[in-house]
N, C-alpha and C. Protein backbone atom coordinates (compact mmCIF):
# COMPACT_ATOMS: atom_id res chain seq x y z
N MET A 1 -28.74 -24.09 75.07
CA MET A 1 -29.48 -22.97 74.52
C MET A 1 -30.97 -23.24 74.67
N THR A 2 -31.73 -22.24 74.98
CA THR A 2 -33.16 -22.41 75.18
C THR A 2 -33.87 -22.50 73.84
N ASP A 3 -35.02 -23.16 73.86
CA ASP A 3 -35.81 -23.33 72.64
C ASP A 3 -36.86 -22.22 72.58
N HIS A 4 -36.42 -21.00 72.34
CA HIS A 4 -37.30 -19.83 72.31
C HIS A 4 -37.82 -19.64 70.89
N LYS A 5 -39.15 -19.64 70.73
CA LYS A 5 -39.74 -19.42 69.42
C LYS A 5 -40.01 -17.93 69.26
N PRO A 6 -39.44 -17.32 68.24
CA PRO A 6 -39.61 -15.86 68.10
C PRO A 6 -41.03 -15.49 67.64
N THR A 7 -41.51 -14.39 68.16
CA THR A 7 -42.79 -13.86 67.71
C THR A 7 -42.52 -12.80 66.65
N ARG A 8 -43.58 -12.29 66.08
CA ARG A 8 -43.41 -11.24 65.07
C ARG A 8 -42.76 -10.01 65.69
N ARG A 9 -43.12 -9.72 66.93
CA ARG A 9 -42.53 -8.57 67.60
C ARG A 9 -41.04 -8.76 67.83
N ASP A 10 -40.62 -10.01 68.11
CA ASP A 10 -39.20 -10.29 68.27
C ASP A 10 -38.45 -10.16 66.96
N LEU A 11 -39.10 -10.55 65.87
CA LEU A 11 -38.43 -10.52 64.57
C LEU A 11 -38.19 -9.10 64.07
N MET A 12 -39.14 -8.22 64.26
CA MET A 12 -38.97 -6.85 63.77
C MET A 12 -39.55 -5.90 64.81
N LYS A 13 -38.69 -5.43 65.68
CA LYS A 13 -39.13 -4.51 66.71
C LYS A 13 -39.31 -3.12 66.10
N PRO A 14 -40.16 -2.29 66.70
CA PRO A 14 -40.38 -0.95 66.14
C PRO A 14 -39.11 -0.12 66.00
N VAL A 15 -38.18 -0.29 66.92
CA VAL A 15 -36.93 0.47 66.84
C VAL A 15 -36.14 0.02 65.61
N GLN A 16 -36.15 -1.28 65.33
CA GLN A 16 -35.45 -1.78 64.15
C GLN A 16 -36.12 -1.28 62.88
N LEU A 17 -37.44 -1.21 62.89
CA LEU A 17 -38.17 -0.71 61.73
C LEU A 17 -37.83 0.76 61.47
N LEU A 18 -37.81 1.55 62.52
CA LEU A 18 -37.44 2.96 62.39
C LEU A 18 -35.97 3.11 61.99
N GLY A 19 -35.12 2.26 62.54
CA GLY A 19 -33.70 2.31 62.19
C GLY A 19 -33.45 1.99 60.73
N LEU A 20 -34.14 0.97 60.23
CA LEU A 20 -34.01 0.62 58.81
C LEU A 20 -34.46 1.76 57.91
N ALA A 21 -35.60 2.37 58.25
CA ALA A 21 -36.10 3.50 57.47
C ALA A 21 -35.15 4.70 57.56
N PHE A 22 -34.57 4.93 58.74
CA PHE A 22 -33.64 6.05 58.90
C PHE A 22 -32.37 5.83 58.09
N VAL A 23 -31.85 4.62 58.09
CA VAL A 23 -30.63 4.33 57.32
C VAL A 23 -30.89 4.51 55.83
N ALA A 24 -32.03 4.04 55.36
CA ALA A 24 -32.37 4.20 53.94
C ALA A 24 -32.54 5.68 53.60
N ALA A 25 -33.15 6.45 54.48
CA ALA A 25 -33.33 7.89 54.25
C ALA A 25 -31.99 8.62 54.26
N LEU A 26 -31.12 8.23 55.16
CA LEU A 26 -29.79 8.83 55.22
C LEU A 26 -29.02 8.55 53.93
N PHE A 27 -29.10 7.32 53.47
CA PHE A 27 -28.43 6.96 52.21
C PHE A 27 -28.98 7.77 51.05
N ALA A 28 -30.31 7.87 50.95
CA ALA A 28 -30.91 8.63 49.85
C ALA A 28 -30.54 10.11 49.93
N GLY A 29 -30.51 10.67 51.14
CA GLY A 29 -30.14 12.07 51.29
C GLY A 29 -28.69 12.33 50.90
N ILE A 30 -27.79 11.45 51.32
CA ILE A 30 -26.37 11.63 50.97
C ILE A 30 -26.15 11.47 49.48
N VAL A 31 -26.80 10.49 48.87
CA VAL A 31 -26.66 10.30 47.42
C VAL A 31 -27.18 11.52 46.67
N THR A 32 -28.29 12.07 47.14
CA THR A 32 -28.83 13.27 46.50
C THR A 32 -27.89 14.46 46.65
N LEU A 33 -27.33 14.63 47.83
CA LEU A 33 -26.40 15.75 48.05
C LEU A 33 -25.14 15.60 47.21
N VAL A 34 -24.61 14.40 47.14
CA VAL A 34 -23.40 14.19 46.34
C VAL A 34 -23.69 14.39 44.86
N SER A 35 -24.82 13.90 44.40
CA SER A 35 -25.12 14.03 42.97
C SER A 35 -25.45 15.47 42.57
N MET A 36 -25.90 16.28 43.52
CA MET A 36 -26.18 17.68 43.21
C MET A 36 -24.98 18.58 43.46
N GLY A 37 -23.88 18.02 43.94
CA GLY A 37 -22.67 18.80 44.12
C GLY A 37 -22.66 19.67 45.35
N ALA A 38 -23.28 19.22 46.42
CA ALA A 38 -23.34 20.03 47.63
C ALA A 38 -21.99 20.12 48.34
N PHE A 39 -21.11 19.17 48.08
CA PHE A 39 -19.81 19.15 48.75
C PHE A 39 -18.70 19.72 47.87
N GLN A 40 -19.07 20.45 46.84
CA GLN A 40 -18.09 21.08 45.96
C GLN A 40 -18.13 22.59 46.17
N ALA A 41 -17.16 23.25 45.59
CA ALA A 41 -17.12 24.72 45.70
C ALA A 41 -18.13 25.29 44.70
N ARG A 42 -19.28 25.63 45.21
CA ARG A 42 -20.37 26.18 44.39
C ARG A 42 -20.94 27.40 45.08
N PRO A 43 -21.74 28.17 44.37
CA PRO A 43 -22.40 29.32 45.02
C PRO A 43 -23.34 28.85 46.13
N ALA A 44 -23.58 29.73 47.07
CA ALA A 44 -24.38 29.39 48.26
C ALA A 44 -25.81 29.00 47.90
N ASP A 45 -26.39 29.65 46.88
CA ASP A 45 -27.77 29.31 46.54
C ASP A 45 -27.89 27.90 45.96
N GLU A 46 -26.88 27.43 45.24
CA GLU A 46 -26.91 26.06 44.71
C GLU A 46 -26.75 25.04 45.83
N ILE A 47 -25.90 25.35 46.80
CA ILE A 47 -25.71 24.44 47.94
C ILE A 47 -26.99 24.39 48.79
N GLN A 48 -27.62 25.55 48.95
CA GLN A 48 -28.87 25.58 49.71
C GLN A 48 -29.96 24.79 49.00
N ARG A 49 -30.05 24.91 47.69
CA ARG A 49 -31.02 24.16 46.92
C ARG A 49 -30.75 22.65 47.03
N ALA A 50 -29.47 22.27 47.00
CA ALA A 50 -29.11 20.86 47.13
C ALA A 50 -29.49 20.33 48.52
N LEU A 51 -29.30 21.14 49.57
CA LEU A 51 -29.67 20.71 50.91
C LEU A 51 -31.18 20.52 51.04
N VAL A 52 -31.95 21.43 50.45
CA VAL A 52 -33.41 21.32 50.51
C VAL A 52 -33.88 20.07 49.77
N ILE A 53 -33.36 19.85 48.58
CA ILE A 53 -33.79 18.69 47.80
C ILE A 53 -33.30 17.39 48.46
N GLY A 54 -32.12 17.41 49.06
CA GLY A 54 -31.63 16.24 49.79
C GLY A 54 -32.51 15.92 50.99
N ALA A 55 -32.96 16.95 51.70
CA ALA A 55 -33.86 16.74 52.84
C ALA A 55 -35.21 16.21 52.39
N ILE A 56 -35.70 16.71 51.28
CA ILE A 56 -36.97 16.20 50.74
C ILE A 56 -36.83 14.74 50.32
N ALA A 57 -35.73 14.40 49.65
CA ALA A 57 -35.51 13.02 49.22
C ALA A 57 -35.38 12.10 50.43
N ALA A 58 -34.69 12.56 51.47
CA ALA A 58 -34.54 11.75 52.67
C ALA A 58 -35.88 11.55 53.37
N GLY A 59 -36.68 12.59 53.45
CA GLY A 59 -38.00 12.47 54.08
C GLY A 59 -38.94 11.55 53.34
N VAL A 60 -38.96 11.68 52.04
CA VAL A 60 -39.83 10.81 51.24
C VAL A 60 -39.37 9.36 51.35
N THR A 61 -38.07 9.14 51.31
CA THR A 61 -37.54 7.78 51.43
C THR A 61 -37.86 7.20 52.79
N PHE A 62 -37.73 7.98 53.86
CA PHE A 62 -38.05 7.52 55.20
C PHE A 62 -39.50 7.04 55.28
N ILE A 63 -40.41 7.85 54.77
CA ILE A 63 -41.83 7.51 54.85
C ILE A 63 -42.15 6.29 53.99
N VAL A 64 -41.61 6.24 52.78
CA VAL A 64 -41.91 5.12 51.88
C VAL A 64 -41.37 3.81 52.44
N VAL A 65 -40.15 3.81 52.95
CA VAL A 65 -39.58 2.58 53.51
C VAL A 65 -40.34 2.16 54.76
N LEU A 66 -40.68 3.10 55.61
CA LEU A 66 -41.41 2.79 56.84
C LEU A 66 -42.77 2.17 56.53
N VAL A 67 -43.52 2.76 55.63
CA VAL A 67 -44.84 2.23 55.28
C VAL A 67 -44.72 0.89 54.54
N SER A 68 -43.75 0.76 53.65
CA SER A 68 -43.59 -0.48 52.89
C SER A 68 -43.23 -1.66 53.78
N VAL A 69 -42.27 -1.46 54.66
CA VAL A 69 -41.87 -2.57 55.54
C VAL A 69 -42.98 -2.90 56.53
N ALA A 70 -43.70 -1.89 57.01
CA ALA A 70 -44.81 -2.16 57.92
C ALA A 70 -45.92 -2.95 57.22
N LEU A 71 -46.21 -2.62 55.97
CA LEU A 71 -47.22 -3.38 55.24
C LEU A 71 -46.75 -4.79 54.93
N LEU A 72 -45.46 -4.96 54.64
CA LEU A 72 -44.94 -6.31 54.41
C LEU A 72 -44.99 -7.14 55.68
N LEU A 73 -44.79 -6.52 56.83
CA LEU A 73 -44.88 -7.26 58.09
C LEU A 73 -46.31 -7.69 58.39
N LEU A 74 -47.28 -6.91 57.94
CA LEU A 74 -48.67 -7.29 58.14
C LEU A 74 -49.05 -8.51 57.29
N ALA A 75 -48.33 -8.75 56.23
CA ALA A 75 -48.64 -9.88 55.36
C ALA A 75 -48.17 -11.21 55.93
N VAL A 76 -47.32 -11.16 56.96
CA VAL A 76 -46.79 -12.38 57.56
C VAL A 76 -47.75 -12.87 58.63
N ASP A 77 -48.13 -14.14 58.54
CA ASP A 77 -48.99 -14.74 59.54
C ASP A 77 -48.13 -15.12 60.74
N PRO A 78 -48.43 -14.63 61.95
CA PRO A 78 -47.58 -14.94 63.10
C PRO A 78 -47.50 -16.43 63.39
N ALA A 79 -48.53 -17.18 63.07
CA ALA A 79 -48.48 -18.63 63.29
C ALA A 79 -47.49 -19.30 62.35
N GLN A 80 -47.29 -18.74 61.16
CA GLN A 80 -46.36 -19.32 60.20
C GLN A 80 -44.91 -19.00 60.54
N VAL A 81 -44.68 -17.97 61.33
CA VAL A 81 -43.31 -17.58 61.67
C VAL A 81 -42.67 -18.63 62.56
N THR A 82 -43.44 -19.21 63.47
CA THR A 82 -42.87 -20.16 64.42
C THR A 82 -42.72 -21.56 63.85
N LYS A 83 -43.35 -21.86 62.72
CA LYS A 83 -43.25 -23.19 62.13
C LYS A 83 -41.91 -23.36 61.43
N THR A 84 -41.40 -24.57 61.49
CA THR A 84 -40.18 -24.86 60.74
C THR A 84 -40.55 -25.34 59.35
N VAL A 85 -39.74 -24.97 58.39
CA VAL A 85 -39.99 -25.37 57.01
C VAL A 85 -39.05 -26.51 56.69
N ASP A 86 -39.63 -27.67 56.40
CA ASP A 86 -38.81 -28.84 56.14
C ASP A 86 -39.04 -29.42 54.75
N ARG A 87 -39.62 -28.61 53.88
CA ARG A 87 -39.83 -29.04 52.50
C ARG A 87 -39.71 -27.83 51.59
N PRO A 88 -39.47 -28.04 50.31
CA PRO A 88 -39.42 -26.91 49.39
C PRO A 88 -40.76 -26.18 49.35
N LEU A 89 -40.70 -24.88 49.27
CA LEU A 89 -41.92 -24.07 49.36
C LEU A 89 -42.78 -24.13 48.11
N LEU A 90 -42.19 -24.36 46.95
CA LEU A 90 -42.95 -24.29 45.71
C LEU A 90 -43.59 -25.62 45.33
N LEU A 91 -43.31 -26.68 46.05
CA LEU A 91 -43.93 -27.97 45.76
C LEU A 91 -45.31 -28.01 46.38
N PRO A 92 -46.22 -28.82 45.80
CA PRO A 92 -47.55 -28.93 46.41
C PRO A 92 -47.45 -29.58 47.79
N LYS A 93 -48.48 -29.37 48.62
CA LYS A 93 -48.43 -29.86 49.99
C LYS A 93 -48.44 -31.38 50.06
N ASP A 94 -49.14 -32.04 49.16
CA ASP A 94 -49.11 -33.51 49.16
C ASP A 94 -47.93 -33.97 48.31
N ASP A 95 -47.05 -34.69 48.92
CA ASP A 95 -45.85 -35.16 48.22
C ASP A 95 -46.16 -36.48 47.52
N ASP A 96 -47.14 -36.47 46.64
CA ASP A 96 -47.57 -37.66 45.94
C ASP A 96 -46.64 -37.90 44.75
N THR A 97 -45.76 -38.88 44.89
CA THR A 97 -44.81 -39.18 43.81
C THR A 97 -45.41 -40.10 42.78
N SER A 98 -46.59 -40.66 43.06
CA SER A 98 -47.20 -41.57 42.09
C SER A 98 -47.91 -40.81 40.98
N ALA A 99 -47.95 -39.49 41.05
CA ALA A 99 -48.62 -38.71 40.02
C ALA A 99 -47.85 -38.72 38.71
N ALA A 100 -46.54 -38.92 38.79
CA ALA A 100 -45.73 -38.94 37.58
C ALA A 100 -45.77 -40.35 36.98
N PRO A 101 -46.31 -40.50 35.75
CA PRO A 101 -46.38 -41.84 35.16
C PRO A 101 -45.00 -42.32 34.74
N GLU A 102 -44.75 -43.58 35.03
CA GLU A 102 -43.50 -44.18 34.62
C GLU A 102 -43.79 -45.23 33.56
N SER A 103 -42.82 -45.51 32.75
CA SER A 103 -42.99 -46.55 31.74
C SER A 103 -42.96 -47.91 32.43
N PRO A 104 -43.54 -48.93 31.83
CA PRO A 104 -43.56 -50.25 32.47
C PRO A 104 -42.15 -50.83 32.66
N ASP A 105 -41.18 -50.36 31.89
CA ASP A 105 -39.83 -50.88 32.00
C ASP A 105 -39.03 -50.15 33.08
N GLY A 106 -39.61 -49.20 33.75
CA GLY A 106 -38.89 -48.42 34.75
C GLY A 106 -38.49 -47.08 34.15
N PRO A 107 -37.67 -46.36 34.85
CA PRO A 107 -37.25 -45.06 34.32
C PRO A 107 -36.42 -45.23 33.05
N GLU A 108 -36.61 -44.27 32.17
CA GLU A 108 -35.90 -44.36 30.90
C GLU A 108 -34.42 -44.06 31.09
N ALA A 109 -33.62 -44.78 30.32
CA ALA A 109 -32.18 -44.54 30.35
C ALA A 109 -31.87 -43.36 29.46
N PRO A 110 -30.88 -42.58 29.82
CA PRO A 110 -30.54 -41.43 28.97
C PRO A 110 -30.02 -41.90 27.61
N ARG A 111 -30.47 -41.21 26.60
CA ARG A 111 -30.01 -41.56 25.24
C ARG A 111 -28.71 -40.84 24.95
N GLY A 112 -27.86 -41.54 24.31
CA GLY A 112 -26.60 -40.86 24.08
C GLY A 112 -25.88 -41.28 22.91
């Protein structure tokens, strides 16, 4: 296998970004239609109202997901994407173990 280091463009291509936003919009539109009873035997004006509100919900969700994921991708430093992480992220960068004071007798034994 080749040692190919992915770039930011490889990690999230524009088609994938649009696809993710479209799937989220489709989900929001279907949930809105089902919750408003568009697939039940109702008068035509109620079904039309449900379709309009479902389309609005899908459009708003598409735009919000698209902008949110695009902004989150901008927060990633491309140089950090190619680096391997070999330590816990929340620990300080210097792994100085001498900072923790120990008793002169060594580590304390558990009391029991």
